[in-house]
Amino acid sequence: MSECKLDHSHADVKKKYESQAAFLPDEMKPLFEQFFEKEHSQALLNEMFHLLKKYDLASDEEQSKRNNQLYLVLKNV
């Protein structure tokens, strides 16, 4: 993924999640709820935003890669 110079807020990440939630695995959703209950570093917020960005348009292979990265973050925060 390309490097982005914008910092994304907690609200930005939540809005992006909500727009992509229908395309994400159901078992990931409770993990996101827990994620949004906590504060996170700017770097982590930016990473999560970009993993979610255009998720619905990504190929199955790309979605699988992103799922792995999302699970890695969500299960370790």
C-alpha atoms as a PDB file:
ATOM      1  CA  MET A   1       0.000   0.000   0.000  1.00  0.00           C
ATOM      2  CA  SER A   2       1.177   3.484  -0.717  1.00  0.00           C
ATOM      3  CA  GLU A   3       2.345   5.712   2.083  1.00  0.00           C
ATOM      4  CA  CYS A   4      -0.182   8.359   3.107  1.00  0.00           C
ATOM      5  CA  LYS A   5       0.791  11.702   4.574  1.00  0.00           C
ATOM      6  CA  LEU A   6      -2.584  12.248   6.278  1.00  0.00           C
ATOM      7  CA  ASP A   7      -3.202  11.390   9.896  1.00  0.00           C
ATOM      8  CA  HIS A   8      -6.544   9.688  10.417  1.00  0.00           C
ATOM      9  CA  SER A   9      -8.509  10.230  13.611  1.00  0.00           C
ATOM     10  CA  HIS A  10     -10.262   7.612  15.726  1.00  0.00           C
ATOM     11  CA  ALA A  11     -13.530   8.896  14.197  1.00  0.00           C
ATOM     12  CA  ASP A  12     -12.131   8.547  10.647  1.00  0.00           C
ATOM     13  CA  VAL A  13     -11.206   4.917  11.287  1.00  0.00           C
ATOM     14  CA  LYS A  14     -14.599   4.166  12.838  1.00  0.00           C
ATOM     15  CA  LYS A  15     -16.434   5.767   9.903  1.00  0.00           C
ATOM     16  CA  LYS A  16     -14.299   3.788   7.431  1.00  0.00           C
ATOM     17  CA  TYR A  17     -14.972   0.596   9.393  1.00  0.00           C
ATOM     18  CA  GLU A  18     -18.720   1.260   9.351  1.00  0.00           C
ATOM     19  CA  SER A  19     -18.648   1.759   5.577  1.00  0.00           C
ATOM     20  CA  GLN A  20     -16.811  -1.544   5.073  1.00  0.00           C
ATOM     21  CA  ALA A  21     -18.306  -3.673   7.881  1.00  0.00           C
ATOM     22  CA  ALA A  22     -20.703  -5.514   5.556  1.00  0.00           C
ATOM     23  CA  PHE A  23     -17.705  -6.837   3.604  1.00  0.00           C
ATOM     24  CA  LEU A  24     -15.613  -7.924   6.608  1.00  0.00           C
ATOM     25  CA  PRO A  25     -15.770 -11.390   8.226  1.00  0.00           C
ATOM     26  CA  ASP A  26     -18.482 -11.508  10.910  1.00  0.00           C
ATOM     27  CA  GLU A  27     -16.070 -12.857  13.538  1.00  0.00           C
ATOM     28  CA  MET A  28     -13.948  -9.713  13.131  1.00  0.00           C
ATOM     29  CA  LYS A  29     -16.725  -7.320  14.155  1.00  0.00           C
ATOM     30  CA  PRO A  30     -16.587  -7.865  17.960  1.00  0.00           C
ATOM     31  CA  LEU A  31     -12.827  -7.307  17.782  1.00  0.00           C
ATOM     32  CA  PHE A  32     -13.420  -3.947  16.128  1.00  0.00           C
ATOM     33  CA  GLU A  33     -15.904  -3.002  18.863  1.00  0.00           C
ATOM     34  CA  GLN A  34     -13.171  -3.689  21.439  1.00  0.00           C
ATOM     35  CA  PHE A  35     -10.650  -1.780  19.315  1.00  0.00           C
ATOM     36  CA  PHE A  36     -12.840   1.326  19.282  1.00  0.00           C
ATOM     37  CA  GLU A  37     -13.217   1.297  23.081  1.00  0.00           C
ATOM     38  CA  LYS A  38      -9.512   2.106  23.484  1.00  0.00           C
ATOM     39  CA  GLU A  39      -7.126   4.858  22.476  1.00  0.00           C
ATOM     40  CA  HIS A  40      -4.452   4.012  19.898  1.00  0.00           C
ATOM     41  CA  SER A  41      -1.299   5.539  18.473  1.00  0.00           C
ATOM     42  CA  GLN A  42      -1.515   7.665  15.366  1.00  0.00           C
ATOM     43  CA  ALA A  43       0.538   5.126  13.429  1.00  0.00           C
ATOM     44  CA  LEU A  44      -1.891   2.335  14.343  1.00  0.00           C
ATOM     45  CA  LEU A  45      -4.941   4.428  13.426  1.00  0.00           C
ATOM     46  CA  ASN A  46      -3.374   5.236  10.056  1.00  0.00           C
ATOM     47  CA  GLU A  47      -2.556   1.561   9.433  1.00  0.00           C
ATOM     48  CA  MET A  48      -6.087   0.442  10.274  1.00  0.00           C
ATOM     49  CA  PHE A  49      -7.613   3.127   8.068  1.00  0.00           C
ATOM     50  CA  HIS A  50      -5.570   1.997   5.086  1.00  0.00           C
ATOM     51  CA  LEU A  51      -6.320  -1.686   5.657  1.00  0.00           C
ATOM     52  CA  LEU A  52     -10.023  -0.820   5.585  1.00  0.00           C
ATOM     53  CA  LYS A  53      -9.841   1.662   2.704  1.00  0.00           C
ATOM     54  CA  LYS A  54     -11.495   0.232  -0.429  1.00  0.00           C
ATOM     55  CA  TYR A  55     -11.611  -3.203   1.216  1.00  0.00           C
ATOM     56  CA  ASP A  56     -14.810  -3.940  -0.696  1.00  0.00           C
ATOM     57  CA  LEU A  57     -13.035  -3.361  -4.028  1.00  0.00           C
ATOM     58  CA  ALA A  58     -10.007  -5.517  -3.224  1.00  0.00           C
ATOM     59  CA  SER A  59      -9.536  -8.944  -4.805  1.00  0.00           C
ATOM     60  CA  ASP A  60     -10.205 -12.037  -2.697  1.00  0.00           C
ATOM     61  CA  GLU A  61      -6.448 -12.535  -2.370  1.00  0.00           C
ATOM     62  CA  GLU A  62      -5.927  -8.936  -1.238  1.00  0.00           C
ATOM     63  CA  GLN A  63      -8.836  -9.188   1.224  1.00  0.00           C
ATOM     64  CA  SER A  64      -7.272 -12.319   2.684  1.00  0.00           C
ATOM     65  CA  LYS A  65      -3.956 -10.508   3.185  1.00  0.00           C
ATOM     66  CA  ARG A  66      -5.717  -7.557   4.786  1.00  0.00           C
ATOM     67  CA  ASN A  67      -7.746  -9.889   7.029  1.00  0.00           C
ATOM     68  CA  ASN A  68      -4.520 -11.423   8.311  1.00  0.00           C
ATOM     69  CA  GLN A  69      -3.102  -7.980   9.070  1.00  0.00           C
ATOM     70  CA  LEU A  70      -6.352  -6.801  10.674  1.00  0.00           C
ATOM     71  CA  TYR A  71      -6.551  -9.883  12.894  1.00  0.00           C
ATOM     72  CA  LEU A  72      -2.920  -9.418  13.908  1.00  0.00           C
ATOM     73  CA  VAL A  73      -3.675  -5.894  15.121  1.00  0.00           C
ATOM     74  CA  LEU A  74      -7.130  -6.558  16.583  1.00  0.00           C
ATOM     75  CA  LYS A  75      -6.024  -9.555  18.636  1.00  0.00           C
ATOM     76  CA  ASN A  76      -2.977  -7.783  20.037  1.00  0.00           C
ATOM     77  CA  VAL A  77      -4.330  -4.404  21.184  1.00  0.00           C
END
